[in-house]
Amino acid sequence: MKICFIGNACNVHFHRWVSYFISKGYQIDIISFSPVSCSEYSNVRIYNLRRFTKFGGHLRYLINLINLVPNLL
């Protein structure tokens, strides 16, 4: 099952949620509003919205992420 989390990936509670589902074997994608290093998470794809602010901003970037097709958002 694929799960996509949206939020502040640097938050300790966010990290606990993601870590729990990683330990259960789920495929995780993260859409974060703050910069995060990939070393904090293993086997996770991270999309940082902070760097995509020109020509439509965050909404345009989210529209381009439709190819993620998670089972749970």
C-alpha atoms as a PDB file:
ATOM      1  CA  MET A   1       0.000   0.000   0.000  1.00  0.00           C
ATOM      2  CA  LYS A   2       1.211   3.499  -0.834  1.00  0.00           C
ATOM      3  CA  ILE A   3       0.658   6.340   1.636  1.00  0.00           C
ATOM      4  CA  CYS A   4       1.363  10.022   1.008  1.00  0.00           C
ATOM      5  CA  PHE A   5       1.848  12.295   4.031  1.00  0.00           C
ATOM      6  CA  ILE A   6       1.499  16.071   3.684  1.00  0.00           C
ATOM      7  CA  GLY A   7       2.942  18.307   6.394  1.00  0.00           C
ATOM      8  CA  ASN A   8       6.053  19.528   8.158  1.00  0.00           C
ATOM      9  CA  ALA A   9       8.465  16.616   7.893  1.00  0.00           C
ATOM     10  CA  CYS A  10      10.730  18.120  10.578  1.00  0.00           C
ATOM     11  CA  ASN A  11       8.004  17.793  13.218  1.00  0.00           C
ATOM     12  CA  VAL A  12       8.670  15.034  15.766  1.00  0.00           C
ATOM     13  CA  HIS A  13       5.077  13.753  15.665  1.00  0.00           C
ATOM     14  CA  PHE A  14       5.093  13.666  11.861  1.00  0.00           C
ATOM     15  CA  HIS A  15       8.355  11.700  12.007  1.00  0.00           C
ATOM     16  CA  ARG A  16       6.827   9.185  14.434  1.00  0.00           C
ATOM     17  CA  TRP A  17       3.812   8.596  12.181  1.00  0.00           C
ATOM     18  CA  VAL A  18       5.985   8.079   9.115  1.00  0.00           C
ATOM     19  CA  SER A  19       8.428   5.835  10.986  1.00  0.00           C
ATOM     20  CA  TYR A  20       5.568   3.651  12.200  1.00  0.00           C
ATOM     21  CA  PHE A  21       4.228   3.025   8.705  1.00  0.00           C
ATOM     22  CA  ILE A  22       7.734   2.466   7.310  1.00  0.00           C
ATOM     23  CA  SER A  23       8.284  -0.235   9.965  1.00  0.00           C
ATOM     24  CA  LYS A  24       5.047  -1.908   8.817  1.00  0.00           C
ATOM     25  CA  GLY A  25       6.360  -2.099   5.243  1.00  0.00           C
ATOM     26  CA  TYR A  26       4.283   0.591   3.537  1.00  0.00           C
ATOM     27  CA  GLN A  27       5.631   2.618   0.613  1.00  0.00           C
ATOM     28  CA  ILE A  28       5.740   6.237   1.826  1.00  0.00           C
ATOM     29  CA  ASP A  29       5.833   9.555  -0.048  1.00  0.00           C
ATOM     30  CA  ILE A  30       6.178  12.829   1.861  1.00  0.00           C
ATOM     31  CA  ILE A  31       5.109  16.269   0.693  1.00  0.00           C
ATOM     32  CA  SER A  32       6.753  18.693   3.102  1.00  0.00           C
ATOM     33  CA  PHE A  33       6.442  22.432   3.561  1.00  0.00           C
ATOM     34  CA  SER A  34       9.867  22.707   5.182  1.00  0.00           C
ATOM     35  CA  PRO A  35      13.282  21.532   4.009  1.00  0.00           C
ATOM     36  CA  VAL A  36      14.235  18.109   5.307  1.00  0.00           C
ATOM     37  CA  SER A  37      17.287  15.945   4.788  1.00  0.00           C
ATOM     38  CA  CYS A  38      16.715  12.563   3.227  1.00  0.00           C
ATOM     39  CA  SER A  39      18.916  10.965   5.887  1.00  0.00           C
ATOM     40  CA  GLU A  40      16.098  11.378   8.455  1.00  0.00           C
ATOM     41  CA  TYR A  41      13.931   8.913   6.543  1.00  0.00           C
ATOM     42  CA  SER A  42      14.885   5.692   4.797  1.00  0.00           C
ATOM     43  CA  ASN A  43      13.184   4.358   1.649  1.00  0.00           C
ATOM     44  CA  VAL A  44      10.972   7.439   1.364  1.00  0.00           C
ATOM     45  CA  ARG A  45      10.427   9.859  -1.518  1.00  0.00           C
ATOM     46  CA  ILE A  46      10.353  13.460  -0.277  1.00  0.00           C
ATOM     47  CA  TYR A  47       8.899  16.386  -2.211  1.00  0.00           C
ATOM     48  CA  ASN A  48       9.716  19.815  -0.792  1.00  0.00           C
ATOM     49  CA  LEU A  49       7.085  22.459  -1.601  1.00  0.00           C
ATOM     50  CA  ARG A  50       9.194  25.338  -0.313  1.00  0.00           C
ATOM     51  CA  ARG A  51      11.361  25.467  -3.426  1.00  0.00           C
ATOM     52  CA  PHE A  52       8.430  25.536  -5.876  1.00  0.00           C
ATOM     53  CA  THR A  53       6.895  28.994  -5.560  1.00  0.00           C
ATOM     54  CA  LYS A  54       7.090  30.510  -9.074  1.00  0.00           C
ATOM     55  CA  PHE A  55       4.430  30.346 -11.781  1.00  0.00           C
ATOM     56  CA  GLY A  56       1.468  28.988  -9.838  1.00  0.00           C
ATOM     57  CA  GLY A  57       3.086  28.203  -6.529  1.00  0.00           C
ATOM     58  CA  HIS A  58       2.285  25.185  -4.450  1.00  0.00           C
ATOM     59  CA  LEU A  59      -0.982  24.377  -6.188  1.00  0.00           C
ATOM     60  CA  ARG A  60       0.716  23.813  -9.543  1.00  0.00           C
ATOM     61  CA  TYR A  61       3.299  21.569  -7.906  1.00  0.00           C
ATOM     62  CA  LEU A  62       0.596  19.508  -6.216  1.00  0.00           C
ATOM     63  CA  ILE A  63      -1.173  19.080  -9.545  1.00  0.00           C
ATOM     64  CA  ASN A  64       2.062  17.729 -11.018  1.00  0.00           C
ATOM     65  CA  LEU A  65       2.285  15.182  -8.177  1.00  0.00           C
ATOM     66  CA  ILE A  66      -0.868  13.399  -9.325  1.00  0.00           C
ATOM     67  CA  ASN A  67       1.364  10.654 -10.725  1.00  0.00           C
ATOM     68  CA  LEU A  68       2.041   9.545  -7.118  1.00  0.00           C
ATOM     69  CA  VAL A  69      -1.380   7.841  -6.995  1.00  0.00           C
ATOM     70  CA  PRO A  70      -1.320   6.928  -3.302  1.00  0.00           C
ATOM     71  CA  ASN A  71      -3.870   4.577  -1.775  1.00  0.00           C
ATOM     72  CA  LEU A  72      -4.144   6.940   1.204  1.00  0.00           C
ATOM     73  CA  LEU A  73      -3.446  10.692   1.333  1.00  0.00           C
END
